[in-house]
Amino acid sequence: MATSTDPGLLLRPMLHVDDLAASIAFYRHLGGEVIHGGEDTDWVLMQLGTTQIGLLTRPPDRGRGEDKVELTFDASMPLAELESQLHRAGVPVDEVGTDRDYGEQLHVRTPEGLLLKISSRQSA
């Protein structure tokens, strides 16, 4: 069902994997294509149809609330604008920081405590 508004966010799941080459091969069998990174790096971004999925070999940072699967979003609006919008709505922002691969990010938590990372679409 289509909505009448576009929130300007694109979902990009990130998976922490033990064996990058095996994971790349698996997703290639599903029709995926590496569009950034490679087997000689510690991460790749793959395109599967209309979806992008990131594969990371570094372990999740449990101290920051990361898990084996991360939900990350790319925002089309400036992050400062999104942060102001979230504050006005009463949604606390855990952190505004910089990720080594994706640049500036906002970190927010769902009501269940799941960490969401939101990056600027231009830096992804």
C-alpha atoms as a PDB file:
ATOM      1  CA  MET A   1       0.000   0.000   0.000  1.00  0.00           C
ATOM      2  CA  ALA A   2       1.468   3.333  -1.057  1.00  0.00           C
ATOM      3  CA  THR A   3       1.495   6.250   1.344  1.00  0.00           C
ATOM      4  CA  SER A   4       0.800   9.834   0.386  1.00  0.00           C
ATOM      5  CA  THR A   5       3.977  11.084   2.038  1.00  0.00           C
ATOM      6  CA  ASP A   6       7.611  10.206   1.498  1.00  0.00           C
ATOM      7  CA  PRO A   7       9.583  10.429   4.751  1.00  0.00           C
ATOM      8  CA  GLY A   8      12.813  10.630   2.752  1.00  0.00           C
ATOM      9  CA  LEU A   9      14.340   7.564   4.421  1.00  0.00           C
ATOM     10  CA  LEU A  10      15.693   4.496   2.648  1.00  0.00           C
ATOM     11  CA  LEU A  11      16.323   1.345   4.692  1.00  0.00           C
ATOM     12  CA  ARG A  12      19.688  -0.376   4.356  1.00  0.00           C
ATOM     13  CA  PRO A  13      20.125  -3.447   6.615  1.00  0.00           C
ATOM     14  CA  MET A  14      23.677  -4.088   7.780  1.00  0.00           C
ATOM     15  CA  LEU A  15      24.760  -7.611   8.724  1.00  0.00           C
ATOM     16  CA  HIS A  16      27.845  -8.478  10.773  1.00  0.00           C
ATOM     17  CA  VAL A  17      29.254 -11.652   9.189  1.00  0.00           C
ATOM     18  CA  ASP A  18      32.038 -14.061  10.107  1.00  0.00           C
ATOM     19  CA  ASP A  19      33.154 -14.946   6.561  1.00  0.00           C
ATOM     20  CA  LEU A  20      32.832 -12.110   4.058  1.00  0.00           C
ATOM     21  CA  ALA A  21      33.700 -14.198   0.982  1.00  0.00           C
ATOM     22  CA  ALA A  22      31.108 -16.860   1.873  1.00  0.00           C
ATOM     23  CA  SER A  23      28.473 -14.203   2.543  1.00  0.00           C
ATOM     24  CA  ILE A  24      29.190 -12.422  -0.744  1.00  0.00           C
ATOM     25  CA  ALA A  25      28.880 -15.737  -2.586  1.00  0.00           C
ATOM     26  CA  PHE A  26      25.583 -16.484  -0.823  1.00  0.00           C
ATOM     27  CA  TYR A  27      24.025 -13.131  -1.739  1.00  0.00           C
ATOM     28  CA  ARG A  28      25.365 -13.404  -5.305  1.00  0.00           C
ATOM     29  CA  HIS A  29      23.416 -16.681  -5.605  1.00  0.00           C
ATOM     30  CA  LEU A  30      20.330 -14.650  -4.702  1.00  0.00           C
ATOM     31  CA  GLY A  31      21.134 -12.210  -7.522  1.00  0.00           C
ATOM     32  CA  GLY A  32      23.156  -9.687  -5.504  1.00  0.00           C
ATOM     33  CA  GLU A  33      25.954  -7.562  -6.917  1.00  0.00           C
ATOM     34  CA  VAL A  34      28.771  -5.860  -4.994  1.00  0.00           C
ATOM     35  CA  ILE A  35      28.511  -2.105  -5.601  1.00  0.00           C
ATOM     36  CA  HIS A  36      31.043  -0.824  -2.996  1.00  0.00           C
ATOM     37  CA  GLY A  37      33.912  -2.462  -1.167  1.00  0.00           C
ATOM     38  CA  GLY A  38      35.203  -5.929  -1.933  1.00  0.00           C
ATOM     39  CA  GLU A  39      36.509  -9.174  -0.519  1.00  0.00           C
ATOM     40  CA  ASP A  40      39.805  -7.467   0.372  1.00  0.00           C
ATOM     41  CA  THR A  41      38.018  -4.956   2.647  1.00  0.00           C
ATOM     42  CA  ASP A  42      36.110  -5.389   5.910  1.00  0.00           C
ATOM     43  CA  TRP A  43      32.748  -4.429   4.383  1.00  0.00           C
ATOM     44  CA  VAL A  44      30.765  -4.471   1.158  1.00  0.00           C
ATOM     45  CA  LEU A  45      27.560  -2.925  -0.034  1.00  0.00           C
ATOM     46  CA  MET A  46      25.482  -5.183  -2.247  1.00  0.00           C
ATOM     47  CA  GLN A  47      22.510  -4.406  -4.471  1.00  0.00           C
ATOM     48  CA  LEU A  48      19.723  -7.022  -4.510  1.00  0.00           C
ATOM     49  CA  GLY A  49      16.947  -5.781  -6.771  1.00  0.00           C
ATOM     50  CA  THR A  50      15.764  -2.497  -5.244  1.00  0.00           C
ATOM     51  CA  THR A  51      17.394  -3.206  -1.870  1.00  0.00           C
ATOM     52  CA  GLN A  52      20.916  -2.555  -0.671  1.00  0.00           C
ATOM     53  CA  ILE A  53      22.449  -4.654   2.087  1.00  0.00           C
ATOM     54  CA  GLY A  54      25.734  -4.061   3.863  1.00  0.00           C
ATOM     55  CA  LEU A  55      28.004  -6.877   5.038  1.00  0.00           C
ATOM     56  CA  LEU A  56      30.519  -6.049   7.788  1.00  0.00           C
ATOM     57  CA  THR A  57      33.284  -8.310   9.092  1.00  0.00           C
ATOM     58  CA  ARG A  58      33.939  -6.313  12.237  1.00  0.00           C
ATOM     59  CA  PRO A  59      32.003  -7.550  15.269  1.00  0.00           C
ATOM     60  CA  PRO A  60      29.031  -5.536  16.514  1.00  0.00           C
ATOM     61  CA  ASP A  61      29.826  -2.960  19.186  1.00  0.00           C
ATOM     62  CA  ARG A  62      27.549  -4.279  21.931  1.00  0.00           C
ATOM     63  CA  GLY A  63      28.461  -1.298  24.125  1.00  0.00           C
ATOM     64  CA  ARG A  64      26.776   0.977  21.584  1.00  0.00           C
ATOM     65  CA  GLY A  65      23.769  -1.321  21.244  1.00  0.00           C
ATOM     66  CA  GLU A  66      24.766  -2.908  17.940  1.00  0.00           C
ATOM     67  CA  ASP A  67      23.696  -6.453  17.158  1.00  0.00           C
ATOM     68  CA  LYS A  68      24.342  -8.923  14.323  1.00  0.00           C
ATOM     69  CA  VAL A  69      21.721  -7.063  12.263  1.00  0.00           C
ATOM     70  CA  GLU A  70      21.565  -3.284  12.185  1.00  0.00           C
ATOM     71  CA  LEU A  71      18.849  -1.186  10.645  1.00  0.00           C
ATOM     72  CA  THR A  72      20.386   1.840   9.006  1.00  0.00           C
ATOM     73  CA  PHE A  73      18.616   4.486   6.991  1.00  0.00           C
ATOM     74  CA  ASP A  74      19.779   7.007   4.425  1.00  0.00           C
ATOM     75  CA  ALA A  75      18.006  10.356   4.845  1.00  0.00           C
ATOM     76  CA  SER A  76      17.384  12.683   1.925  1.00  0.00           C
ATOM     77  CA  MET A  77      16.997  15.673   4.260  1.00  0.00           C
ATOM     78  CA  PRO A  78      19.900  17.255   6.150  1.00  0.00           C
ATOM     79  CA  LEU A  79      20.542  15.396   9.411  1.00  0.00           C
ATOM     80  CA  ALA A  80      20.307  18.608  11.471  1.00  0.00           C
ATOM     81  CA  GLU A  81      16.785  19.127  10.102  1.00  0.00           C
ATOM     82  CA  LEU A  82      15.824  15.535  10.880  1.00  0.00           C
ATOM     83  CA  GLU A  83      17.285  15.824  14.386  1.00  0.00           C
ATOM     84  CA  SER A  84      15.209  18.976  15.030  1.00  0.00           C
ATOM     85  CA  GLN A  85      12.117  17.220  13.707  1.00  0.00           C
ATOM     86  CA  LEU A  86      12.715  14.246  16.031  1.00  0.00           C
ATOM     87  CA  HIS A  87      13.280  16.524  19.054  1.00  0.00           C
ATOM     88  CA  ARG A  88      10.034  18.434  18.303  1.00  0.00           C
ATOM     89  CA  ALA A  89       8.217  15.081  18.195  1.00  0.00           C
ATOM     90  CA  GLY A  90       9.700  14.078  21.562  1.00  0.00           C
ATOM     91  CA  VAL A  91      11.935  11.361  20.087  1.00  0.00           C
ATOM     92  CA  PRO A  92      15.276  11.358  21.913  1.00  0.00           C
ATOM     93  CA  VAL A  93      18.419  11.190  19.798  1.00  0.00           C
ATOM     94  CA  ASP A  94      21.015   8.965  21.500  1.00  0.00           C
ATOM     95  CA  GLU A  95      23.987  10.300  19.634  1.00  0.00           C
ATOM     96  CA  VAL A  96      25.091  12.456  16.751  1.00  0.00           C
ATOM     97  CA  GLY A  97      28.405  11.148  15.550  1.00  0.00           C
ATOM     98  CA  THR A  98      30.553  10.103  12.662  1.00  0.00           C
ATOM     99  CA  ASP A  99      30.854   6.542  11.370  1.00  0.00           C
ATOM    100  CA  ARG A 100      34.139   5.678   9.677  1.00  0.00           C
ATOM    101  CA  ASP A 101      32.372   4.348   6.565  1.00  0.00           C
ATOM    102  CA  TYR A 102      29.140   6.354   6.389  1.00  0.00           C
ATOM    103  CA  GLY A 103      30.011   9.783   7.752  1.00  0.00           C
ATOM    104  CA  GLU A 104      27.720  11.777  10.021  1.00  0.00           C
ATOM    105  CA  GLN A 105      24.939   9.757  11.671  1.00  0.00           C
ATOM    106  CA  LEU A 106      22.052  10.149  14.088  1.00  0.00           C
ATOM    107  CA  HIS A 107      21.441   7.269  16.484  1.00  0.00           C
ATOM    108  CA  VAL A 108      17.910   6.798  17.812  1.00  0.00           C
ATOM    109  CA  ARG A 109      16.203   3.908  19.577  1.00  0.00           C
ATOM    110  CA  THR A 110      12.856   2.323  18.852  1.00  0.00           C
ATOM    111  CA  PRO A 111      10.419   1.953  21.765  1.00  0.00           C
ATOM    112  CA  GLU A 112      11.785  -1.613  22.108  1.00  0.00           C
ATOM    113  CA  GLY A 113      15.356  -0.311  22.407  1.00  0.00           C
ATOM    114  CA  LEU A 114      16.587  -1.291  18.921  1.00  0.00           C
ATOM    115  CA  LEU A 115      19.331   1.042  17.705  1.00  0.00           C
ATOM    116  CA  LEU A 116      18.593   2.782  14.395  1.00  0.00           C
ATOM    117  CA  LYS A 117      21.388   4.595  12.560  1.00  0.00           C
ATOM    118  CA  ILE A 118      20.471   7.358  10.134  1.00  0.00           C
ATOM    119  CA  SER A 119      23.066   8.699   7.677  1.00  0.00           C
ATOM    120  CA  SER A 120      22.845  11.464   5.149  1.00  0.00           C
ATOM    121  CA  ARG A 121      22.127   9.982   1.732  1.00  0.00           C
ATOM    122  CA  GLN A 122      24.919  12.093   0.206  1.00  0.00           C
ATOM    123  CA  SER A 123      27.558  10.443   2.463  1.00  0.00           C
ATOM    124  CA  ALA A 124      26.529   6.853   1.706  1.00  0.00           C
END
